[in-house]
Amino acid sequence: MKLAVIILLASCNYNNLVTENKQFDPNIIIHLNPHWIAFYQNRIENYSSDKFVFDSTWTVRAWLNGNVLADSEPGFDHNFSPYLIYSKDKSQYLDLDSYQYVFDQDSTGHLILMGTEPDQEVNWVNRKTGEVKRIAFTGPGSTYEDARWINNEEVILFGKANNRVFIEVIILPMKKSILYVYPDSLQRNDNYLQKVRLKGIKFEEL
């Protein structure tokens, strides 16, 4: 069964992530995001990275404009800056959070992160041009939890949907997505976002 997620990608070469027979190389994912792998190793029985299976691939004609501000624009909330996922040369970044959340203060003056949208938008920002493009979107029940840059043209999104985890390769120039799904369900449905990537932030959900 296909995961109920929407994601947008692009391609030039796959840097050994995808071979001609569409097999995923788990060693690359482990190298790029060992924290995500370690988190779910303890929450899936008999976890093994080589069990990820190809699910689907698709392309889009054009990226939609994103619905968030670039970090160079007036009004951008720089409380999000530590959680943007930058390319190695810092010329680009991915924003997984500012569409869905806003920062506020609690009664004691401490920052809290408040959910404002049930949906999630992943935005790709080119800091040289200021362009903001939506490369992935998903609704309730699915979450993009983390991301990594392979190089300046390819990214990997790490997520969870329907009580299973998935990874999505996005090849930006080709607007192509490749989705891989772990076949076994989670034994414990913990929140990676709150426990790992945004650890230490107080959340106030919708």
Protein backbone atom coordinates (compact mmCIF):
# COMPACT_ATOMS: atom_id res chain seq x y z
CA MET A 1 0.00 0.00 0.00
CA LYS A 2 1.42 3.39 -0.99
CA LEU A 3 2.06 5.84 1.79
CA ALA A 4 -0.28 8.81 1.85
CA VAL A 5 2.42 11.41 1.40
CA ILE A 6 3.06 14.06 -1.25
CA ILE A 7 6.67 14.97 -2.05
CA LEU A 8 8.45 16.71 -4.92
CA LEU A 9 11.96 15.87 -6.28
CA ALA A 10 14.57 16.49 -8.94
CA SER A 11 17.43 14.48 -10.51
CA CYS A 12 20.81 14.56 -12.19
CA ASN A 13 22.64 11.50 -10.84
CA TYR A 14 21.66 9.46 -7.82
CA ASN A 15 25.07 9.34 -6.13
CA ASN A 16 24.63 5.57 -5.61
CA LEU A 17 21.40 6.07 -3.69
CA VAL A 18 19.46 4.45 -6.48
CA THR A 19 20.83 1.81 -8.81
CA GLU A 20 19.39 0.68 -12.13
CA ASN A 21 17.15 -1.87 -10.42
CA LYS A 22 15.90 0.78 -7.96
CA GLN A 23 17.61 -0.68 -4.94
CA PHE A 24 18.29 1.63 -2.03
CA ASP A 25 21.70 1.70 -0.40
CA PRO A 26 21.00 1.91 3.36
CA ASN A 27 24.60 2.71 4.21
CA ILE A 28 24.25 6.18 2.73
CA ILE A 29 21.19 6.98 4.82
CA ILE A 30 22.91 5.77 7.97
CA HIS A 31 25.87 7.99 7.17
CA LEU A 32 23.75 11.07 6.46
CA ASN A 33 21.41 10.81 9.45
CA PRO A 34 22.53 8.32 12.10
CA HIS A 35 20.34 10.00 14.73
CA TRP A 36 17.13 9.17 12.84
CA ILE A 37 18.22 5.57 12.25
CA ALA A 38 19.24 5.12 15.89
CA PHE A 39 15.91 6.53 17.09
CA TYR A 40 13.87 4.01 15.12
CA GLN A 41 16.16 1.03 15.68
CA ASN A 42 14.71 0.95 19.19
CA ARG A 43 11.13 1.29 18.01
CA ILE A 44 10.91 -1.31 15.23
CA GLU A 45 11.36 -4.99 16.02
CA ASN A 46 14.37 -6.57 14.28
CA TYR A 47 15.16 -3.32 12.50
CA SER A 48 17.60 -3.52 9.58
CA SER A 49 18.30 -0.66 7.18
CA ASP A 50 18.45 -3.00 4.19
CA LYS A 51 14.73 -3.73 4.60
CA PHE A 52 13.69 -0.38 3.10
CA VAL A 53 11.88 -1.12 -0.18
CA PHE A 54 11.17 1.00 -3.24
CA ASP A 55 7.61 2.32 -3.15
CA SER A 56 7.12 4.84 -5.96
CA THR A 57 8.66 7.63 -8.02
CA TRP A 58 7.18 10.72 -9.65
CA THR A 59 8.06 14.03 -11.23
CA VAL A 60 6.34 17.40 -11.32
CA ARG A 61 6.35 20.04 -14.05
CA ALA A 62 7.24 22.91 -11.75
CA TRP A 63 7.74 23.63 -8.09
CA LEU A 64 5.02 25.71 -6.48
CA ASN A 65 6.04 28.88 -4.70
CA GLY A 66 6.40 28.30 -0.99
CA ASN A 67 4.20 29.91 1.62
CA VAL A 68 6.96 30.93 4.03
CA LEU A 69 9.46 33.77 4.19
CA ALA A 70 13.12 33.39 3.26
CA ASP A 71 15.57 34.18 6.05
CA SER A 72 16.60 37.38 4.23
CA GLU A 73 13.07 38.79 4.17
CA PRO A 74 11.63 41.22 6.70
CA GLY A 75 9.33 39.39 9.07
CA PHE A 76 11.22 36.10 9.06
CA ASP A 77 11.32 34.71 12.60
CA HIS A 78 15.00 34.03 13.30
CA ASN A 79 14.06 31.72 16.15
CA PHE A 80 13.76 29.16 13.34
CA SER A 81 17.31 29.75 12.08
CA PRO A 82 19.01 27.03 14.19
CA TYR A 83 16.56 24.45 12.80
CA LEU A 84 16.92 25.25 9.11
CA ILE A 85 18.78 22.49 7.25
CA TYR A 86 21.56 24.10 5.22
CA SER A 87 23.47 22.81 2.23
CA LYS A 88 27.19 22.38 2.82
CA ASP A 89 28.05 25.76 1.26
CA LYS A 90 25.15 27.51 3.09
CA SER A 91 23.77 28.80 -0.24
CA GLN A 92 20.50 26.88 0.22
CA TYR A 93 18.43 25.47 3.03
CA LEU A 94 15.35 23.39 3.75
CA ASP A 95 12.64 24.71 6.06
CA LEU A 96 10.49 21.95 7.57
CA ASP A 97 8.88 23.97 10.32
CA SER A 98 7.87 27.59 9.76
CA TYR A 99 4.78 26.79 7.66
CA GLN A 100 3.33 24.62 10.41
CA TYR A 101 4.54 26.34 13.59
CA VAL A 102 5.07 29.78 15.10
CA PHE A 103 7.17 30.79 18.09
CA ASP A 104 5.48 32.48 21.04
CA GLN A 105 6.17 32.98 24.73
CA ASP A 106 4.56 31.26 27.67
CA SER A 107 3.50 33.00 30.88
CA THR A 108 7.06 32.87 32.20
CA GLY A 109 8.57 34.42 29.09
CA HIS A 110 10.07 31.21 27.72
CA LEU A 111 9.79 30.42 24.02
CA ILE A 112 7.22 27.86 22.97
CA LEU A 113 6.48 26.43 19.54
CA MET A 114 2.81 26.52 18.67
CA GLY A 115 1.16 24.46 15.95
CA THR A 116 -0.94 26.59 13.60
CA GLU A 117 -1.50 24.21 10.68
CA PRO A 118 -2.45 20.51 10.56
CA ASP A 119 -0.59 20.24 7.24
CA GLN A 120 3.15 20.44 6.68
CA GLU A 121 5.07 22.11 3.88
CA VAL A 122 8.76 21.50 3.16
CA ASN A 123 10.34 24.52 1.49
CA TRP A 124 13.60 24.84 -0.40
CA VAL A 125 15.16 28.30 -0.21
CA ASN A 126 17.87 29.57 -2.55
CA ARG A 127 19.68 32.22 -0.53
CA LYS A 128 21.37 33.69 -3.62
CA THR A 129 18.13 34.39 -5.48
CA GLY A 130 15.72 34.56 -2.54
CA GLU A 131 13.42 32.03 -4.21
CA VAL A 132 11.25 29.86 -1.96
CA LYS A 133 9.83 26.67 -3.49
CA ARG A 134 7.58 24.06 -1.95
CA ILE A 135 9.11 20.66 -2.63
CA ALA A 136 6.95 18.52 -0.35
CA PHE A 137 3.56 18.69 1.33
CA THR A 138 1.64 16.33 3.57
CA GLY A 139 -1.45 16.34 5.72
CA PRO A 140 -2.36 14.96 9.15
CA GLY A 141 -1.06 11.47 9.84
CA SER A 142 2.19 11.99 7.93
CA THR A 143 5.25 13.93 9.04
CA TYR A 144 8.52 14.97 7.47
CA GLU A 145 10.75 14.69 10.51
CA ASP A 146 14.19 15.55 9.21
CA ALA A 147 16.25 16.11 6.07
CA ARG A 148 19.82 16.01 4.80
CA TRP A 149 21.65 17.35 1.74
CA ILE A 150 23.48 14.81 -0.41
CA ASN A 151 24.95 17.62 -2.50
CA ASN A 152 23.68 20.97 -3.79
CA GLU A 153 21.15 19.28 -6.07
CA GLU A 154 19.89 16.29 -4.09
CA VAL A 155 18.25 15.95 -0.69
CA ILE A 156 16.76 13.19 1.46
CA LEU A 157 13.65 13.63 3.57
CA PHE A 158 13.05 11.33 6.55
CA GLY A 159 9.49 10.79 7.69
CA LYS A 160 6.71 8.75 9.20
CA ALA A 161 3.23 7.88 7.89
CA ASN A 162 0.62 5.24 8.67
CA ASN A 163 2.77 4.04 11.60
CA ARG A 164 5.69 3.30 9.28
CA VAL A 165 8.86 5.21 8.46
CA PHE A 166 9.98 6.27 5.01
CA ILE A 167 12.77 8.10 3.24
CA GLU A 168 12.37 10.22 0.14
CA VAL A 169 15.11 11.21 -2.25
CA ILE A 170 14.44 14.51 -4.02
CA ILE A 171 16.53 15.41 -7.05
CA LEU A 172 15.91 19.12 -7.34
CA PRO A 173 16.93 19.95 -10.96
CA MET A 174 14.72 17.17 -12.35
CA LYS A 175 11.83 17.74 -9.94
CA LYS A 176 11.84 14.02 -9.28
CA SER A 177 10.98 12.11 -6.11
CA ILE A 178 11.85 8.54 -5.13
CA LEU A 179 10.11 7.04 -2.12
CA TYR A 180 11.33 4.12 0.00
CA VAL A 181 9.26 2.61 2.79
CA TYR A 182 10.12 0.42 5.74
CA PRO A 183 7.63 -2.49 5.61
CA ASP A 184 7.28 -3.14 9.35
CA SER A 185 5.16 -1.02 11.67
CA LEU A 186 6.45 0.90 14.65
CA GLN A 187 6.15 -0.78 18.03
CA ARG A 188 6.27 2.60 19.79
CA ASN A 189 4.99 5.71 18.09
CA ASP A 190 7.30 8.28 19.69
CA ASN A 191 7.84 11.83 18.46
CA TYR A 192 11.26 12.16 16.80
CA LEU A 193 10.70 15.86 16.19
CA GLN A 194 10.25 16.70 19.86
CA LYS A 195 12.73 14.16 21.24
CA VAL A 196 15.59 14.66 18.79
CA ARG A 197 15.56 17.39 16.10
CA LEU A 198 13.75 20.07 18.14
CA LYS A 199 14.71 18.70 21.53
CA GLY A 200 14.48 21.24 24.31
CA ILE A 201 11.70 23.30 22.75
CA LYS A 202 8.37 23.39 24.53
CA PHE A 203 5.53 22.47 22.16
CA GLU A 204 1.94 23.58 22.24
CA GLU A 205 0.10 21.57 19.59
CA LEU A 206 -3.16 22.35 17.81
